[in-house]
Amino acid sequence: MKIAVLMGGTSSERDVSLVSGLRIAAALRQRGHEVAVIDTIRGSVTPAEETAMLRSGVIQPLPPERSSLARLAATTLADAVALAAEEGAADLVFLALHGGNGEDGTVQALLDLAGIPYTGSGHLASALAMDKDLSKRLFRSVGVPTPDWDLIRSDGSGDWASAGFAERVVSTFGLPLIVKPSKEGSTVGLTLVKAAEGVAAAVVEAFRHDNEVMIERFIAGRELTVGILGGKALPVGEIIPVHELYDYECKYTPGMAREVFPAELTPGQTSAVQDHAARAFGVLKLSGYARIDFRMSVEGEFYCLEANTLPGMTELSLIPQAAAADGISFPELCERIAQLALQTRSGGAHA
């Protein structure tokens, strides 16, 4: 099969996307596929460039003030999709993009228009999952618990700059609490606020990454994740980070977190959180594969945080570890994801 791997992008997760894309390309070649690698900013990537990029690894998230990349984004994204969709160039596009236009449905809509199959969820489902406010509303509609939250916007709604705002927030959600961008990933722009004095600074930081900011009740307890592959829940994983939260550094720095697959849960707990994940996957109209993240409170209750439609595929990422715990090697995982895309998407528009 001819496969074009689309990676890079201009989101804060560009570095992660590059590593994911390069690993996916190598794995698919190992399974005998013909693979072309395309960076949505720079265009086609040569084998020599792939080797050099792999050596650099994931370093840090890009700041939102990435104007030189942003100026290129609109035209090069369309060019990258056109390159992947050229007649005979690829039977399938494997999306290794994270955050931003890669995961919010934009690229998916372009590929639908181009009539070329691609991995992961369709444009509507991708947009719903990226918007944490909308996805949490949908979780609750099917009985999937999620932490209480409020949304404030950069246009002034929510009155976040007014006197007494921090005190009202603390009164509502308690301490500590979470402040994060509504449409970001990899905990970019997220702050665990432990005192009322820190609310304003956390909101300002989150607004650097998005025009909508979520304030959310913090659920003390364990961090869990459930991968879904082809409609089946993979073994539940528990993440035990060095830091208080599973932040960007812990996610992409060796030794900064311990991941346990399968998580040490009772059979009933395992079944319950996998059921929550399946319902979250279904209500968002996701397809192919995804990763659903949870907190388990000290009382043993599960709270769904978010769904990741194009989860990381780096060496330290969670979906590959969950698959390995189910006896699926990384090359086989990549091939299964590609096959799922061909089975469910034949070039027409899909949600």
Protein backbone atom coordinates (compact mmCIF):
# COMPACT_ATOMS: atom_id res chain seq x y z
CA MET A 1 0.00 0.00 0.00
CA LYS A 2 1.18 3.54 -0.75
CA ILE A 3 0.86 5.64 2.40
CA ALA A 4 1.57 9.34 2.93
CA VAL A 5 2.34 10.26 6.54
CA LEU A 6 1.28 13.83 7.32
CA MET A 7 3.11 15.36 10.28
CA GLY A 8 4.45 18.61 11.74
CA GLY A 9 1.87 21.37 11.68
CA THR A 10 2.03 24.66 13.56
CA SER A 11 0.48 23.72 16.90
CA SER A 12 2.33 23.69 20.21
CA GLU A 13 2.71 19.94 19.70
CA ARG A 14 4.71 20.19 16.46
CA ASP A 15 7.78 18.44 17.93
CA VAL A 16 5.67 15.56 19.22
CA SER A 17 3.99 15.23 15.83
CA LEU A 18 7.33 15.03 14.04
CA VAL A 19 8.54 12.19 16.26
CA SER A 20 5.19 10.38 15.96
CA GLY A 21 5.23 10.70 12.18
CA LEU A 22 8.78 9.46 11.75
CA ARG A 23 8.17 6.42 13.98
CA ILE A 24 4.94 5.61 12.12
CA ALA A 25 6.72 5.85 8.77
CA ALA A 26 9.48 3.49 9.90
CA ALA A 27 6.95 1.02 11.31
CA LEU A 28 4.84 0.98 8.14
CA ARG A 29 7.93 0.41 5.99
CA GLN A 30 8.79 -2.49 8.26
CA ARG A 31 5.41 -3.99 7.31
CA GLY A 32 6.26 -3.66 3.63
CA HIS A 33 4.38 -0.47 2.72
CA GLU A 34 5.67 2.30 0.47
CA VAL A 35 5.74 5.42 2.64
CA ALA A 36 6.20 9.10 1.82
CA VAL A 37 6.64 11.60 4.66
CA ILE A 38 5.20 15.10 4.38
CA ASP A 39 5.73 17.95 6.85
CA THR A 40 2.76 20.29 6.46
CA ILE A 41 5.14 23.25 6.78
CA ARG A 42 8.15 22.16 4.75
CA GLY A 43 6.70 19.70 2.25
CA SER A 44 8.21 16.32 1.38
CA VAL A 45 10.85 15.02 3.79
CA THR A 46 13.85 13.14 2.39
CA PRO A 47 15.26 10.01 4.08
CA ALA A 48 18.33 12.00 5.17
CA GLU A 49 16.11 14.66 6.72
CA GLU A 50 14.09 11.96 8.48
CA THR A 51 17.26 10.62 10.10
CA ALA A 52 18.37 14.07 11.24
CA MET A 53 14.94 14.90 12.66
CA LEU A 54 14.72 11.63 14.57
CA ARG A 55 18.01 12.40 16.30
CA SER A 56 16.66 15.70 17.64
CA GLY A 57 13.63 14.10 19.33
CA VAL A 58 10.98 15.98 21.32
CA ILE A 59 12.48 19.02 23.01
CA GLN A 60 9.77 21.45 24.09
CA PRO A 61 6.40 22.76 22.93
CA LEU A 62 6.42 25.68 20.54
CA PRO A 63 5.20 28.96 22.07
CA PRO A 64 2.00 30.35 20.57
CA GLU A 65 3.95 33.33 19.19
CA ARG A 66 5.14 31.29 16.20
CA SER A 67 4.22 33.88 13.56
CA SER A 68 6.73 32.70 10.95
CA LEU A 69 5.12 29.25 10.96
CA ALA A 70 1.60 30.61 11.24
CA ARG A 71 2.08 32.72 8.11
CA LEU A 72 2.99 29.58 6.20
CA ALA A 73 0.24 27.43 7.63
CA ALA A 74 -2.76 28.21 5.45
CA THR A 75 -1.07 27.76 2.09
CA THR A 76 1.32 24.94 2.98
CA LEU A 77 -1.39 22.90 4.68
CA ALA A 78 -3.45 22.92 1.50
CA ASP A 79 -0.31 22.20 -0.52
CA ALA A 80 0.57 19.26 1.73
CA VAL A 81 -2.90 17.77 1.33
CA ALA A 82 -2.73 18.32 -2.44
CA LEU A 83 0.68 16.60 -2.52
CA ALA A 84 -0.69 13.60 -0.61
CA ALA A 85 -3.77 13.45 -2.84
CA GLU A 86 -1.96 13.60 -6.19
CA GLU A 87 -3.12 10.86 -8.54
CA GLY A 88 -1.39 7.63 -7.57
CA ALA A 89 0.68 9.31 -4.86
CA ALA A 90 -1.02 7.53 -1.96
CA ASP A 91 -3.79 5.06 -1.24
CA LEU A 92 -4.12 6.46 2.26
CA VAL A 93 -3.00 9.40 4.40
CA PHE A 94 -1.80 8.48 7.88
CA LEU A 95 -2.36 11.52 10.10
CA ALA A 96 0.41 12.00 12.64
CA LEU A 97 -0.60 15.57 13.45
CA HIS A 98 -1.35 16.66 17.03
CA GLY A 99 -3.33 19.69 18.15
CA GLY A 100 -4.27 22.72 16.06
CA ASN A 101 -5.43 22.29 12.47
CA GLY A 102 -4.19 18.71 12.42
CA GLU A 103 -6.55 17.44 15.09
CA ASP A 104 -9.44 19.92 14.97
CA GLY A 105 -11.07 18.62 11.78
CA THR A 106 -9.51 21.10 9.34
CA VAL A 107 -7.15 18.64 7.65
CA GLN A 108 -9.83 15.96 7.76
CA ALA A 109 -12.26 18.23 5.88
CA LEU A 110 -9.63 19.00 3.24
CA LEU A 111 -8.93 15.29 2.77
CA ASP A 112 -12.65 14.59 2.48
CA LEU A 113 -12.83 17.18 -0.29
CA ALA A 114 -9.80 15.61 -1.96
CA GLY A 115 -11.49 12.20 -1.76
CA ILE A 116 -8.60 10.39 -0.12
CA PRO A 117 -8.95 8.04 2.89
CA TYR A 118 -7.19 9.01 6.12
CA THR A 119 -6.66 7.58 9.59
CA GLY A 120 -8.58 8.51 12.69
CA SER A 121 -11.88 10.31 13.04
CA GLY A 122 -13.73 12.48 10.54
CA HIS A 123 -13.92 16.26 10.52
CA LEU A 124 -16.97 16.70 12.77
CA ALA A 125 -15.88 14.15 15.36
CA SER A 126 -12.37 15.64 15.42
CA ALA A 127 -13.74 19.13 16.01
CA LEU A 128 -16.05 17.94 18.80
CA ALA A 129 -13.27 16.10 20.62
CA MET A 130 -10.87 19.04 20.32
CA ASP A 131 -13.39 21.38 21.98
CA LYS A 132 -13.29 20.25 25.63
CA ASP A 133 -16.38 22.25 26.56
CA LEU A 134 -18.56 20.59 23.91
CA SER A 135 -17.11 17.14 24.49
CA LYS A 136 -17.77 17.33 28.25
CA ARG A 137 -21.39 18.25 27.55
CA LEU A 138 -21.68 15.20 25.30
CA PHE A 139 -20.01 12.94 27.88
CA ARG A 140 -22.66 13.87 30.42
CA SER A 141 -25.44 13.29 27.89
CA VAL A 142 -24.60 9.56 27.89
CA GLY A 143 -23.89 9.25 31.59
CA VAL A 144 -20.11 9.54 31.48
CA PRO A 145 -19.03 11.57 34.54
CA THR A 146 -16.68 14.52 33.95
CA PRO A 147 -15.36 17.13 36.41
CA ASP A 148 -17.46 20.29 36.88
CA TRP A 149 -16.22 23.20 34.78
CA ASP A 150 -16.82 26.71 33.53
CA LEU A 151 -15.74 28.37 30.29
CA ILE A 152 -14.48 31.92 29.86
CA ARG A 153 -13.73 33.66 26.59
CA SER A 154 -11.23 36.27 25.54
CA ASP A 155 -14.07 38.58 24.48
CA GLY A 156 -14.71 39.26 28.16
CA SER A 157 -17.54 36.83 28.88
CA GLY A 158 -16.98 35.28 32.25
CA ASP A 159 -15.78 38.60 33.69
CA TRP A 160 -12.46 36.97 34.59
CA ALA A 161 -10.58 40.27 35.02
CA SER A 162 -13.06 41.70 37.54
CA ALA A 163 -12.44 42.07 41.25
CA GLY A 164 -13.50 39.01 43.19
CA PHE A 165 -13.39 36.64 40.20
CA ALA A 166 -10.68 34.43 41.70
CA GLU A 167 -12.55 34.18 44.99
CA ARG A 168 -15.78 33.21 43.17
CA VAL A 169 -13.92 30.55 41.20
CA VAL A 170 -12.34 29.09 44.33
CA SER A 171 -15.71 29.13 46.08
CA THR A 172 -17.24 27.18 43.20
CA PHE A 173 -14.49 24.67 42.39
CA GLY A 174 -12.34 24.55 45.51
CA LEU A 175 -8.55 24.27 45.57
CA PRO A 176 -6.53 23.11 43.86
CA LEU A 177 -8.26 23.65 40.54
CA ILE A 178 -7.31 23.33 36.88
CA VAL A 179 -7.07 26.18 34.37
CA LYS A 180 -6.40 25.17 30.76
CA PRO A 181 -7.07 26.09 27.13
CA SER A 182 -10.30 24.58 25.86
CA LYS A 183 -8.72 23.44 22.57
CA GLU A 184 -5.18 22.25 23.23
CA GLY A 185 -3.41 19.00 23.99
CA SER A 186 -0.38 17.60 25.85
CA THR A 187 -1.28 19.79 28.87
CA VAL A 188 0.10 22.81 26.97
CA GLY A 189 -1.03 25.99 28.74
CA LEU A 190 -2.45 24.04 31.69
CA THR A 191 -1.94 25.17 35.30
CA LEU A 192 -2.75 23.47 38.58
CA VAL A 193 -3.79 26.45 40.73
CA LYS A 194 -3.28 26.03 44.46
CA ALA A 195 -4.17 29.51 45.70
CA ALA A 196 -6.67 32.19 44.67
CA GLU A 197 -3.76 34.53 43.92
CA GLY A 198 -2.69 32.24 41.09
CA VAL A 199 -5.98 32.19 39.16
CA ALA A 200 -5.42 35.34 37.09
CA ALA A 201 -1.92 34.35 35.96
CA ALA A 202 -3.15 30.88 35.03
CA VAL A 203 -5.97 32.35 32.94
CA VAL A 204 -3.55 34.68 31.15
CA GLU A 205 -1.25 31.75 30.39
CA ALA A 206 -4.11 29.66 29.02
CA PHE A 207 -5.31 32.55 26.84
CA ARG A 208 -1.87 32.56 25.19
CA HIS A 209 -2.86 29.26 23.58
CA ASP A 210 -6.60 29.62 22.93
CA ASN A 211 -9.41 32.19 22.94
CA GLU A 212 -11.45 29.99 25.29
CA VAL A 213 -10.24 28.91 28.71
CA MET A 214 -11.68 26.20 30.92
CA ILE A 215 -11.72 26.30 34.70
CA GLU A 216 -12.23 22.79 36.03
CA ARG A 217 -12.59 21.06 39.37
CA PHE A 218 -9.45 19.07 40.19
CA ILE A 219 -10.07 15.40 40.92
CA ALA A 220 -7.50 14.12 43.39
CA GLY A 221 -6.56 10.51 42.79
CA ARG A 222 -5.13 8.34 40.03
CA GLU A 223 -4.51 9.15 36.35
CA LEU A 224 -5.88 6.51 33.96
CA THR A 225 -6.15 6.17 30.21
CA VAL A 226 -8.08 3.86 27.90
CA GLY A 227 -7.16 3.33 24.27
CA ILE A 228 -9.84 2.35 21.76
CA LEU A 229 -8.78 0.47 18.63
CA GLY A 230 -11.38 -0.60 16.08
CA GLY A 231 -14.17 -0.31 18.62
CA LYS A 232 -12.37 -2.44 21.22
CA ALA A 233 -11.05 -1.06 24.50
CA LEU A 234 -7.35 -1.79 25.02
CA PRO A 235 -5.91 -2.57 28.48
CA VAL A 236 -6.37 0.31 30.92
CA GLY A 237 -3.19 2.19 31.77
CA GLU A 238 -2.21 4.14 34.86
CA ILE A 239 0.23 7.03 34.66
CA ILE A 240 2.35 7.81 37.72
CA PRO A 241 4.29 11.02 36.95
CA VAL A 242 7.25 12.46 38.83
CA HIS A 243 5.45 15.82 38.91
CA GLU A 244 2.10 16.35 40.57
CA LEU A 245 0.45 16.29 37.14
CA TYR A 246 1.23 14.35 33.98
CA ASP A 247 2.54 17.46 32.24
CA TYR A 248 4.44 17.97 28.96
CA GLU A 249 7.84 17.23 30.50
CA CYS A 250 6.62 14.02 32.13
CA LYS A 251 4.97 12.88 28.90
CA TYR A 252 8.01 13.25 26.67
CA THR A 253 11.06 12.93 28.93
CA PRO A 254 12.34 9.42 29.68
CA GLY A 255 12.17 8.60 33.38
CA MET A 256 9.69 11.37 34.25
CA ALA A 257 6.68 9.06 34.48
CA ARG A 258 5.91 5.41 35.09
CA GLU A 259 3.15 3.86 33.02
CA VAL A 260 1.52 0.67 34.22
CA PHE A 261 -0.32 -1.51 31.67
CA PRO A 262 -2.61 -3.03 32.67
CA ALA A 263 -3.48 -0.76 35.58
CA GLU A 264 -3.92 -2.35 38.99
CA LEU A 265 -7.71 -2.26 39.14
CA THR A 266 -10.37 -4.75 40.10
CA PRO A 267 -12.17 -6.49 37.21
CA GLY A 268 -15.23 -4.39 38.00
CA GLN A 269 -13.26 -1.13 37.91
CA THR A 270 -11.58 -2.12 34.66
CA SER A 271 -14.91 -2.92 33.05
CA ALA A 272 -16.47 0.33 34.30
CA VAL A 273 -13.78 2.66 32.98
CA GLN A 274 -13.60 0.80 29.66
CA ASP A 275 -17.37 1.17 29.34
CA HIS A 276 -17.09 4.91 30.03
CA ALA A 277 -14.39 5.14 27.36
CA ALA A 278 -16.50 3.26 24.81
CA ARG A 279 -19.48 5.54 25.46
CA ALA A 280 -17.32 8.66 25.18
CA PHE A 281 -15.90 7.32 21.90
CA GLY A 282 -19.40 6.67 20.60
CA VAL A 283 -21.07 9.95 21.58
CA LEU A 284 -18.29 11.97 19.92
CA LYS A 285 -18.76 9.86 16.74
CA LEU A 286 -15.07 8.89 16.78
CA SER A 287 -13.71 6.20 14.48
CA GLY A 288 -10.59 4.11 14.00
CA TYR A 289 -8.74 4.71 17.23
CA ALA A 290 -8.50 7.23 20.05
CA ARG A 291 -7.33 7.61 23.63
CA ILE A 292 -9.76 8.58 26.40
CA ASP A 293 -8.26 10.03 29.60
CA PHE A 294 -9.67 9.75 33.12
CA ARG A 295 -9.07 10.59 36.75
CA MET A 296 -10.08 8.07 39.39
CA SER A 297 -11.02 9.80 42.63
CA VAL A 298 -9.92 8.57 46.04
CA GLU A 299 -13.52 7.32 46.44
CA GLY A 300 -13.10 5.14 43.34
CA GLU A 301 -15.25 7.22 40.95
CA PHE A 302 -14.11 7.72 37.34
CA TYR A 303 -14.16 11.15 35.68
CA CYS A 304 -13.55 11.55 31.96
CA LEU A 305 -11.23 14.44 31.13
CA GLU A 306 -10.97 14.38 27.35
CA ALA A 307 -10.69 12.34 24.17
CA ASN A 308 -7.58 12.43 21.98
CA THR A 309 -8.41 11.64 18.35
CA LEU A 310 -4.79 11.54 17.14
CA PRO A 311 -2.88 10.45 20.25
CA GLY A 312 0.89 10.53 20.41
CA MET A 313 2.82 7.70 18.79
CA THR A 314 6.26 8.45 20.22
CA GLU A 315 8.32 5.85 22.04
CA LEU A 316 6.88 7.05 25.37
CA SER A 317 3.28 7.48 24.19
CA LEU A 318 0.38 5.66 25.80
CA ILE A 319 -1.51 4.08 22.89
CA PRO A 320 1.55 2.07 21.76
CA GLN A 321 2.04 0.89 25.35
CA ALA A 322 -1.61 -0.12 25.66
CA ALA A 323 -1.39 -2.01 22.37
CA ALA A 324 1.80 -3.76 23.50
CA ALA A 325 -0.01 -4.88 26.67
CA ASP A 326 -2.60 -6.46 24.36
CA GLY A 327 0.11 -8.27 22.38
CA ILE A 328 0.14 -5.81 19.45
CA SER A 329 3.56 -4.61 18.27
CA PHE A 330 4.03 -1.01 17.15
CA PRO A 331 4.33 -1.88 13.43
CA GLU A 332 1.18 -4.03 13.70
CA LEU A 333 -0.63 -1.20 15.51
CA CYS A 334 0.20 1.25 12.74
CA GLU A 335 -0.92 -1.19 10.06
CA ARG A 336 -4.18 -1.92 11.89
CA ILE A 337 -4.93 1.81 12.10
CA ALA A 338 -4.30 2.14 8.37
CA GLN A 339 -6.53 -0.85 7.58
CA LEU A 340 -9.32 0.54 9.77
CA ALA A 341 -9.20 3.76 7.77
CA LEU A 342 -9.61 1.89 4.49
CA GLN A 343 -12.49 -0.13 5.90
CA THR A 344 -14.44 2.83 7.25
CA ARG A 345 -13.56 5.65 4.86
CA SER A 346 -13.61 5.26 1.11
CA GLY A 347 -12.91 8.86 0.11
CA GLY A 348 -16.28 10.43 0.89
CA ALA A 349 -17.07 12.88 3.67
CA HIS A 350 -17.41 11.33 7.12
CA ALA A 351 -18.26 12.78 10.49
